[in-house]
């Protein structure tokens, strides 16, 4: 009787070993780039591998894959990392985008105050500005040089050159079409977006002061420059029919607006 039990047990062990041999799946892989183990595995290997040997370099991302294969998602029970090198993984930190609805950088005057008319014309010739002869005119105190811009960030650049004998730039206006990047329309008036205010402050300007429905004014003490911010109908700028508005940034030497 005992011999019969021994014989039955031997048959059972042989049968189990045979079944295990049939179901066991061994995989050996070289991971040439840390973090790519998942891409090297087929779906069947991911779910049905019971024993895996890795060489090359691996990091925490690959270890997480092995953990998944050892959990409910797979049947992995044997892992050999003796010939693999575990390296540190530094997750990439993307550069945060510019806050939605703001200029990336504050548009400042293209030339320093004191530039002559000839210097302005030379600058615009190089930077794709086209002199608008219709809108260029002489006023009581200034000559207004009006340049249409081919680039998207500005529609118009206007330079006010003095008639006081110096003949130099003493006021600059820039017209920018994307008002939603800087302002929020509130009825007949508007407010500056928080992000645009922060851009002004980070550029060295004081917190803007409201001027009723006319806009805002601020100053930059280090640059000795005032800035007035307003909105203007696009139709007045381009002469075309439009209900749209453009943002007008008007710069002058400190003390002009403040």
C-alpha atoms as a PDB file:
ATOM      1  CA  UNK A   1       0.000   0.000   0.000  1.00  0.00           C
ATOM      2  CA  UNK A   2       2.795   2.430   0.992  1.00  0.00           C
ATOM      3  CA  UNK A   3       4.619   1.618  -2.204  1.00  0.00           C
ATOM      4  CA  UNK A   4       1.446   2.510  -4.123  1.00  0.00           C
ATOM      5  CA  UNK A   5       1.375   5.973  -2.417  1.00  0.00           C
ATOM      6  CA  UNK A   6       5.041   6.514  -3.276  1.00  0.00           C
ATOM      7  CA  UNK A   7       4.409   5.606  -6.870  1.00  0.00           C
ATOM      8  CA  UNK A   8       1.349   7.870  -7.088  1.00  0.00           C
ATOM      9  CA  UNK A   9       3.281  10.799  -5.570  1.00  0.00           C
ATOM     10  CA  UNK A  10       6.115  10.307  -8.041  1.00  0.00           C
ATOM     11  CA  UNK A  11       3.645  10.342 -10.939  1.00  0.00           C
ATOM     12  CA  UNK A  12       1.999  13.512  -9.534  1.00  0.00           C
ATOM     13  CA  UNK A  13       5.374  15.307  -9.204  1.00  0.00           C
ATOM     14  CA  UNK A  14       6.351  14.374 -12.746  1.00  0.00           C
ATOM     15  CA  UNK A  15       2.974  15.565 -14.036  1.00  0.00           C
ATOM     16  CA  UNK A  16       3.256  18.937 -12.228  1.00  0.00           C
ATOM     17  CA  UNK A  17       6.790  19.445 -13.483  1.00  0.00           C
ATOM     18  CA  UNK A  18       5.658  18.723 -17.016  1.00  0.00           C
ATOM     19  CA  UNK A  19       2.757  21.164 -16.745  1.00  0.00           C
ATOM     20  CA  UNK A  20       5.007  23.866 -15.260  1.00  0.00           C
ATOM     21  CA  UNK A  21       7.550  23.339 -18.035  1.00  0.00           C
ATOM     22  CA  UNK A  22       4.780  23.811 -20.572  1.00  0.00           C
ATOM     23  CA  UNK A  23       3.497  27.065 -19.026  1.00  0.00           C
ATOM     24  CA  UNK A  24       6.816  28.646 -17.946  1.00  0.00           C
ATOM     25  CA  UNK A  25       7.933  31.507 -20.220  1.00  0.00           C
ATOM     26  CA  UNK A  26      11.462  32.859 -19.918  1.00  0.00           C
ATOM     27  CA  UNK A  27      12.597  36.133 -21.533  1.00  0.00           C
ATOM     28  CA  UNK A  28      16.068  37.673 -21.772  1.00  0.00           C
ATOM     29  CA  UNK A  29      16.298  41.281 -22.958  1.00  0.00           C
ATOM     30  CA  UNK A  30      18.947  43.961 -23.320  1.00  0.00           C
ATOM     31  CA  UNK A  31      17.632  47.429 -22.467  1.00  0.00           C
ATOM     32  CA  UNK A  32      19.891  49.763 -24.436  1.00  0.00           C
ATOM     33  CA  UNK A  33      18.147  52.889 -23.134  1.00  0.00           C
ATOM     34  CA  UNK A  34      16.814  53.159 -19.607  1.00  0.00           C
ATOM     35  CA  UNK A  35      13.056  53.526 -19.421  1.00  0.00           C
ATOM     36  CA  UNK A  36      12.264  51.593 -22.624  1.00  0.00           C
ATOM     37  CA  UNK A  37      11.529  48.097 -21.261  1.00  0.00           C
ATOM     38  CA  UNK A  38       7.770  48.379 -21.861  1.00  0.00           C
ATOM     39  CA  UNK A  39       8.369  49.163 -25.529  1.00  0.00           C
ATOM     40  CA  UNK A  40      10.610  46.092 -25.916  1.00  0.00           C
ATOM     41  CA  UNK A  41       7.972  43.665 -24.634  1.00  0.00           C
ATOM     42  CA  UNK A  42       5.206  42.218 -26.760  1.00  0.00           C
ATOM     43  CA  UNK A  43       1.732  42.135 -25.217  1.00  0.00           C
ATOM     44  CA  UNK A  44       2.031  38.400 -24.740  1.00  0.00           C
ATOM     45  CA  UNK A  45       5.439  38.710 -23.054  1.00  0.00           C
ATOM     46  CA  UNK A  46       4.074  41.435 -20.781  1.00  0.00           C
ATOM     47  CA  UNK A  47       1.205  39.213 -19.604  1.00  0.00           C
ATOM     48  CA  UNK A  48       2.679  35.692 -19.747  1.00  0.00           C
ATOM     49  CA  UNK A  49       6.382  35.953 -18.898  1.00  0.00           C
ATOM     50  CA  UNK A  50       7.221  34.023 -15.713  1.00  0.00           C
ATOM     51  CA  UNK A  51      10.978  34.595 -15.651  1.00  0.00           C
ATOM     52  CA  UNK A  52      12.918  37.559 -17.000  1.00  0.00           C
ATOM     53  CA  UNK A  53      16.604  38.418 -17.243  1.00  0.00           C
ATOM     54  CA  UNK A  54      17.651  41.966 -18.081  1.00  0.00           C
ATOM     55  CA  UNK A  55      20.966  43.432 -19.158  1.00  0.00           C
ATOM     56  CA  UNK A  56      21.871  47.009 -20.042  1.00  0.00           C
ATOM     57  CA  UNK A  57      20.608  50.086 -18.173  1.00  0.00           C
ATOM     58  CA  UNK A  58      17.254  50.381 -16.424  1.00  0.00           C
ATOM     59  CA  UNK A  59      15.630  52.977 -14.197  1.00  0.00           C
ATOM     60  CA  UNK A  60      12.565  53.355 -12.018  1.00  0.00           C
ATOM     61  CA  UNK A  61      10.271  53.331 -15.040  1.00  0.00           C
ATOM     62  CA  UNK A  62      11.481  49.835 -15.973  1.00  0.00           C
ATOM     63  CA  UNK A  63      11.182  48.655 -12.368  1.00  0.00           C
ATOM     64  CA  UNK A  64       7.552  49.781 -12.381  1.00  0.00           C
ATOM     65  CA  UNK A  65       6.965  47.630 -15.487  1.00  0.00           C
ATOM     66  CA  UNK A  66       8.439  44.620 -13.681  1.00  0.00           C
ATOM     67  CA  UNK A  67       6.207  45.362 -10.714  1.00  0.00           C
ATOM     68  CA  UNK A  68       3.172  45.417 -12.994  1.00  0.00           C
ATOM     69  CA  UNK A  69       4.204  42.101 -14.575  1.00  0.00           C
ATOM     70  CA  UNK A  70       4.471  40.606 -11.092  1.00  0.00           C
ATOM     71  CA  UNK A  71       1.029  41.813 -10.028  1.00  0.00           C
ATOM     72  CA  UNK A  72      -2.468  41.105 -11.285  1.00  0.00           C
ATOM     73  CA  UNK A  73      -1.467  42.206 -14.774  1.00  0.00           C
ATOM     74  CA  UNK A  74       1.007  39.342 -15.251  1.00  0.00           C
ATOM     75  CA  UNK A  75       2.483  36.138 -13.833  1.00  0.00           C
ATOM     76  CA  UNK A  76       6.149  37.112 -13.485  1.00  0.00           C
ATOM     77  CA  UNK A  77       7.781  35.437 -10.469  1.00  0.00           C
ATOM     78  CA  UNK A  78      11.514  35.381 -11.270  1.00  0.00           C
ATOM     79  CA  UNK A  79      13.621  38.484 -12.027  1.00  0.00           C
ATOM     80  CA  UNK A  80      17.379  38.485 -12.709  1.00  0.00           C
ATOM     81  CA  UNK A  81      19.002  41.949 -12.685  1.00  0.00           C
ATOM     82  CA  UNK A  82      22.501  40.757 -11.835  1.00  0.00           C
ATOM     83  CA  UNK A  83      23.872  41.970 -15.179  1.00  0.00           C
ATOM     84  CA  UNK A  84      21.767  45.139 -15.409  1.00  0.00           C
ATOM     85  CA  UNK A  85      22.752  48.595 -14.218  1.00  0.00           C
ATOM     86  CA  UNK A  86      20.134  50.627 -12.384  1.00  0.00           C
ATOM     87  CA  UNK A  87      20.550  54.326 -13.180  1.00  0.00           C
ATOM     88  CA  UNK A  88      18.877  57.412 -11.737  1.00  0.00           C
ATOM     89  CA  UNK A  89      15.918  58.880 -13.572  1.00  0.00           C
ATOM     90  CA  UNK A  90      15.474  62.652 -13.522  1.00  0.00           C
ATOM     91  CA  UNK A  91      11.987  63.456 -14.728  1.00  0.00           C
ATOM     92  CA  UNK A  92      12.002  66.261 -17.258  1.00  0.00           C
ATOM     93  CA  UNK A  93      10.509  69.457 -15.882  1.00  0.00           C
ATOM     94  CA  UNK A  94       8.929  71.282 -18.787  1.00  0.00           C
ATOM     95  CA  UNK A  95       9.365  75.030 -19.006  1.00  0.00           C
ATOM     96  CA  UNK A  96       6.064  76.503 -17.907  1.00  0.00           C
ATOM     97  CA  UNK A  97       4.274  78.262 -20.737  1.00  0.00           C
ATOM     98  CA  UNK A  98       3.691  81.975 -20.675  1.00  0.00           C
ATOM     99  CA  UNK A  99       0.486  82.697 -18.752  1.00  0.00           C
ATOM    100  CA  UNK A 100      -2.531  82.437 -21.035  1.00  0.00           C
ATOM    101  CA  UNK A 101      -3.630  85.779 -22.372  1.00  0.00           C
ATOM    102  CA  UNK A 102      -0.391  87.756 -22.033  1.00  0.00           C
ATOM    103  CA  UNK A 103       2.492  88.951 -24.126  1.00  0.00           C
ATOM    104  CA  UNK A 104       5.530  86.736 -23.563  1.00  0.00           C
ATOM    105  CA  UNK A 105       7.631  89.856 -23.168  1.00  0.00           C
ATOM    106  CA  UNK A 106       6.554  93.450 -22.846  1.00  0.00           C
ATOM    107  CA  UNK A 107       6.851  95.323 -26.165  1.00  0.00           C
ATOM    108  CA  UNK A 108       9.126  98.286 -25.462  1.00  0.00           C
ATOM    109  CA  UNK A 109      10.049 101.199 -27.749  1.00  0.00           C
ATOM    110  CA  UNK A 110      12.079  99.973 -30.680  1.00  0.00           C
ATOM    111  CA  UNK A 111      14.544 102.869 -30.398  1.00  0.00           C
ATOM    112  CA  UNK A 112      15.781 104.931 -27.469  1.00  0.00           C
ATOM    113  CA  UNK A 113      14.338 108.377 -26.920  1.00  0.00           C
ATOM    114  CA  UNK A 114      16.595 110.875 -28.658  1.00  0.00           C
ATOM    115  CA  UNK A 115      16.862 108.879 -31.888  1.00  0.00           C
ATOM    116  CA  UNK A 116      16.721 111.057 -34.998  1.00  0.00           C
ATOM    117  CA  UNK A 117      14.222 110.749 -37.844  1.00  0.00           C
ATOM    118  CA  UNK A 118      16.892 109.288 -40.122  1.00  0.00           C
ATOM    119  CA  UNK A 119      17.793 106.660 -37.513  1.00  0.00           C
ATOM    120  CA  UNK A 120      14.111 105.744 -37.180  1.00  0.00           C
ATOM    121  CA  UNK A 121      13.710 105.392 -40.940  1.00  0.00           C
ATOM    122  CA  UNK A 122      16.840 103.249 -41.167  1.00  0.00           C
ATOM    123  CA  UNK A 123      15.610 101.013 -38.351  1.00  0.00           C
ATOM    124  CA  UNK A 124      12.216 100.490 -39.984  1.00  0.00           C
ATOM    125  CA  UNK A 125      13.818  99.761 -43.347  1.00  0.00           C
ATOM    126  CA  UNK A 126      15.652  96.848 -41.726  1.00  0.00           C
ATOM    127  CA  UNK A 127      12.666  95.668 -39.630  1.00  0.00           C
ATOM    128  CA  UNK A 128      10.027  95.495 -42.371  1.00  0.00           C
ATOM    129  CA  UNK A 129       8.233  98.701 -41.477  1.00  0.00           C
ATOM    130  CA  UNK A 130       6.510 100.481 -44.356  1.00  0.00           C
ATOM    131  CA  UNK A 131       6.145 104.233 -44.117  1.00  0.00           C
ATOM    132  CA  UNK A 132       2.483 105.169 -44.336  1.00  0.00           C
ATOM    133  CA  UNK A 133       2.710 108.512 -46.109  1.00  0.00           C
ATOM    134  CA  UNK A 134      -1.007 109.168 -45.711  1.00  0.00           C
ATOM    135  CA  UNK A 135      -0.816 109.026 -41.908  1.00  0.00           C
ATOM    136  CA  UNK A 136       2.667 110.519 -41.577  1.00  0.00           C
ATOM    137  CA  UNK A 137       2.220 114.216 -40.855  1.00  0.00           C
ATOM    138  CA  UNK A 138       3.593 117.278 -39.136  1.00  0.00           C
ATOM    139  CA  UNK A 139       1.812 118.545 -36.039  1.00  0.00           C
ATOM    140  CA  UNK A 140       2.356 121.659 -33.963  1.00  0.00           C
ATOM    141  CA  UNK A 141       5.064 120.191 -31.751  1.00  0.00           C
ATOM    142  CA  UNK A 142       5.974 116.972 -33.531  1.00  0.00           C
ATOM    143  CA  UNK A 143       6.389 115.193 -36.780  1.00  0.00           C
ATOM    144  CA  UNK A 144       4.539 111.890 -36.660  1.00  0.00           C
ATOM    145  CA  UNK A 145       6.281 109.044 -38.497  1.00  0.00           C
ATOM    146  CA  UNK A 146       3.752 106.222 -39.050  1.00  0.00           C
ATOM    147  CA  UNK A 147       4.977 102.754 -40.070  1.00  0.00           C
ATOM    148  CA  UNK A 148       2.718  99.819 -40.964  1.00  0.00           C
ATOM    149  CA  UNK A 149       4.202  96.535 -39.781  1.00  0.00           C
ATOM    150  CA  UNK A 150       4.224  93.274 -41.723  1.00  0.00           C
ATOM    151  CA  UNK A 151       4.722  91.180 -38.584  1.00  0.00           C
ATOM    152  CA  UNK A 152       1.870  89.814 -36.470  1.00  0.00           C
ATOM    153  CA  UNK A 153       2.883  91.181 -33.060  1.00  0.00           C
ATOM    154  CA  UNK A 154       2.202  94.804 -33.979  1.00  0.00           C
ATOM    155  CA  UNK A 155      -0.006  96.534 -36.507  1.00  0.00           C
ATOM    156  CA  UNK A 156       1.569  99.969 -36.373  1.00  0.00           C
ATOM    157  CA  UNK A 157       4.590 101.743 -34.894  1.00  0.00           C
ATOM    158  CA  UNK A 158       4.360 105.517 -34.510  1.00  0.00           C
ATOM    159  CA  UNK A 159       7.261 107.826 -33.701  1.00  0.00           C
ATOM    160  CA  UNK A 160       6.838 111.410 -32.560  1.00  0.00           C
ATOM    161  CA  UNK A 161       9.908 113.457 -33.458  1.00  0.00           C
ATOM    162  CA  UNK A 162      10.185 116.899 -31.887  1.00  0.00           C
ATOM    163  CA  UNK A 163      10.221 120.213 -33.781  1.00  0.00           C
ATOM    164  CA  UNK A 164      12.251 121.933 -31.058  1.00  0.00           C
ATOM    165  CA  UNK A 165      15.494 121.992 -33.000  1.00  0.00           C
ATOM    166  CA  UNK A 166      16.788 118.679 -31.712  1.00  0.00           C
ATOM    167  CA  UNK A 167      14.588 116.737 -34.126  1.00  0.00           C
ATOM    168  CA  UNK A 168      14.642 113.660 -31.944  1.00  0.00           C
ATOM    169  CA  UNK A 169      12.205 110.966 -30.812  1.00  0.00           C
ATOM    170  CA  UNK A 170      10.316 111.887 -27.644  1.00  0.00           C
ATOM    171  CA  UNK A 171       7.212 109.672 -27.820  1.00  0.00           C
ATOM    172  CA  UNK A 172       6.478 106.223 -29.225  1.00  0.00           C
ATOM    173  CA  UNK A 173       3.165 104.429 -29.785  1.00  0.00           C
ATOM    174  CA  UNK A 174       2.747 100.758 -30.636  1.00  0.00           C
ATOM    175  CA  UNK A 175      -0.579  99.223 -31.727  1.00  0.00           C
ATOM    176  CA  UNK A 176      -1.110  95.537 -30.872  1.00  0.00           C
ATOM    177  CA  UNK A 177      -4.067  93.515 -32.213  1.00  0.00           C
ATOM    178  CA  UNK A 178      -4.405  90.722 -29.622  1.00  0.00           C
ATOM    179  CA  UNK A 179      -6.123  92.666 -26.853  1.00  0.00           C
ATOM    180  CA  UNK A 180      -7.263  89.485 -25.107  1.00  0.00           C
ATOM    181  CA  UNK A 181      -3.629  88.881 -24.227  1.00  0.00           C
ATOM    182  CA  UNK A 182      -3.591  91.901 -21.963  1.00  0.00           C
ATOM    183  CA  UNK A 183      -7.078  93.181 -21.161  1.00  0.00           C
ATOM    184  CA  UNK A 184     -10.588  92.127 -20.222  1.00  0.00           C
ATOM    185  CA  UNK A 185     -13.413  94.208 -21.666  1.00  0.00           C
ATOM    186  CA  UNK A 186     -15.861  95.375 -18.994  1.00  0.00           C
ATOM    187  CA  UNK A 187     -18.713  97.282 -20.588  1.00  0.00           C
ATOM    188  CA  UNK A 188     -17.412 100.576 -21.918  1.00  0.00           C
ATOM    189  CA  UNK A 189     -14.132 100.264 -20.034  1.00  0.00           C
ATOM    190  CA  UNK A 190     -11.545  97.534 -19.612  1.00  0.00           C
ATOM    191  CA  UNK A 191      -9.305  95.944 -16.981  1.00  0.00           C
ATOM    192  CA  UNK A 192      -5.788  94.617 -17.293  1.00  0.00           C
ATOM    193  CA  UNK A 193      -5.361  90.871 -16.871  1.00  0.00           C
ATOM    194  CA  UNK A 194      -3.526  89.823 -13.734  1.00  0.00           C
ATOM    195  CA  UNK A 195      -0.804  88.155 -15.821  1.00  0.00           C
ATOM    196  CA  UNK A 196      -0.263  91.330 -17.865  1.00  0.00           C
ATOM    197  CA  UNK A 197       0.041  93.393 -14.678  1.00  0.00           C
ATOM    198  CA  UNK A 198       2.642  90.924 -13.451  1.00  0.00           C
ATOM    199  CA  UNK A 199       4.485  91.260 -16.753  1.00  0.00           C
ATOM    200  CA  UNK A 200       4.563  95.046 -16.318  1.00  0.00           C
ATOM    201  CA  UNK A 201       5.866  94.707 -12.763  1.00  0.00           C
ATOM    202  CA  UNK A 202       8.499  92.123 -13.742  1.00  0.00           C
ATOM    203  CA  UNK A 203       9.617  94.548 -16.489  1.00  0.00           C
ATOM    204  CA  UNK A 204      10.282  97.243 -13.888  1.00  0.00           C
ATOM    205  CA  UNK A 205       7.044  99.238 -14.102  1.00  0.00           C
ATOM    206  CA  UNK A 206       4.977 100.245 -11.086  1.00  0.00           C
ATOM    207  CA  UNK A 207       1.474  98.884 -10.534  1.00  0.00           C
ATOM    208  CA  UNK A 208      -0.637 100.618 -13.234  1.00  0.00           C
ATOM    209  CA  UNK A 209      -2.913 103.446 -12.099  1.00  0.00           C
ATOM    210  CA  UNK A 210      -6.426 103.578 -13.660  1.00  0.00           C
ATOM    211  CA  UNK A 211      -7.395 106.692 -15.631  1.00  0.00           C
ATOM    212  CA  UNK A 212     -11.144 106.032 -15.758  1.00  0.00           C
ATOM    213  CA  UNK A 213     -12.330 104.853 -19.173  1.00  0.00           C
ATOM    214  CA  UNK A 214      -9.135 106.168 -20.771  1.00  0.00           C
ATOM    215  CA  UNK A 215      -7.002 103.266 -19.580  1.00  0.00           C
ATOM    216  CA  UNK A 216      -4.017 103.002 -17.290  1.00  0.00           C
ATOM    217  CA  UNK A 217      -0.701 104.722 -16.714  1.00  0.00           C
ATOM    218  CA  UNK A 218       2.515 103.577 -15.052  1.00  0.00           C
ATOM    219  CA  UNK A 219       6.211 104.428 -14.939  1.00  0.00           C
ATOM    220  CA  UNK A 220       9.564 102.678 -14.930  1.00  0.00           C
ATOM    221  CA  UNK A 221      12.002 104.565 -12.723  1.00  0.00           C
ATOM    222  CA  UNK A 222      15.085 102.660 -13.803  1.00  0.00           C
ATOM    223  CA  UNK A 223      14.340 103.255 -17.507  1.00  0.00           C
ATOM    224  CA  UNK A 224      13.045 106.777 -16.825  1.00  0.00           C
ATOM    225  CA  UNK A 225      10.016 105.961 -18.929  1.00  0.00           C
ATOM    226  CA  UNK A 226       6.248 106.436 -18.630  1.00  0.00           C
ATOM    227  CA  UNK A 227       3.707 104.109 -20.200  1.00  0.00           C
ATOM    228  CA  UNK A 228       0.064 104.783 -21.013  1.00  0.00           C
ATOM    229  CA  UNK A 229      -2.193 101.821 -21.890  1.00  0.00           C
ATOM    230  CA  UNK A 230      -5.441 102.303 -23.802  1.00  0.00           C
ATOM    231  CA  UNK A 231      -7.741 100.739 -26.379  1.00  0.00           C
ATOM    232  CA  UNK A 232      -8.530 102.148 -29.791  1.00  0.00           C
ATOM    233  CA  UNK A 233     -11.042 101.079 -32.484  1.00  0.00           C
ATOM    234  CA  UNK A 234      -9.304  99.131 -35.233  1.00  0.00           C
ATOM    235  CA  UNK A 235     -11.268 101.148 -37.790  1.00  0.00           C
ATOM    236  CA  UNK A 236      -9.465 104.314 -36.699  1.00  0.00           C
ATOM    237  CA  UNK A 237      -6.089 102.675 -37.183  1.00  0.00           C
ATOM    238  CA  UNK A 238      -6.583 100.846 -40.468  1.00  0.00           C
ATOM    239  CA  UNK A 239      -9.399 102.863 -42.033  1.00  0.00           C
ATOM    240  CA  UNK A 240     -11.465  99.715 -42.545  1.00  0.00           C
ATOM    241  CA  UNK A 241     -14.866  98.877 -41.103  1.00  0.00           C
ATOM    242  CA  UNK A 242     -14.428  96.814 -37.947  1.00  0.00           C
ATOM    243  CA  UNK A 243     -15.858  96.585 -34.446  1.00  0.00           C
ATOM    244  CA  UNK A 244     -12.551  95.235 -33.124  1.00  0.00           C
ATOM    245  CA  UNK A 245     -10.192  97.175 -30.896  1.00  0.00           C
ATOM    246  CA  UNK A 246      -6.421  97.256 -30.618  1.00  0.00           C
ATOM    247  CA  UNK A 247      -4.216  97.740 -27.587  1.00  0.00           C
ATOM    248  CA  UNK A 248      -2.204 100.951 -27.690  1.00  0.00           C
ATOM    249  CA  UNK A 249       0.995 101.194 -25.660  1.00  0.00           C
ATOM    250  CA  UNK A 250       2.233 104.788 -25.532  1.00  0.00           C
ATOM    251  CA  UNK A 251       5.724 105.430 -24.196  1.00  0.00           C
ATOM    252  CA  UNK A 252       7.349 108.737 -23.280  1.00  0.00           C
ATOM    253  CA  UNK A 253      10.238 109.970 -21.096  1.00  0.00           C
ATOM    254  CA  UNK A 254       9.405 109.913 -17.374  1.00  0.00           C
ATOM    255  CA  UNK A 255       7.222 112.820 -16.277  1.00  0.00           C
ATOM    256  CA  UNK A 256       5.252 113.035 -19.505  1.00  0.00           C
ATOM    257  CA  UNK A 257       2.270 110.940 -18.385  1.00  0.00           C
ATOM    258  CA  UNK A 258       2.783 110.563 -14.636  1.00  0.00           C
END
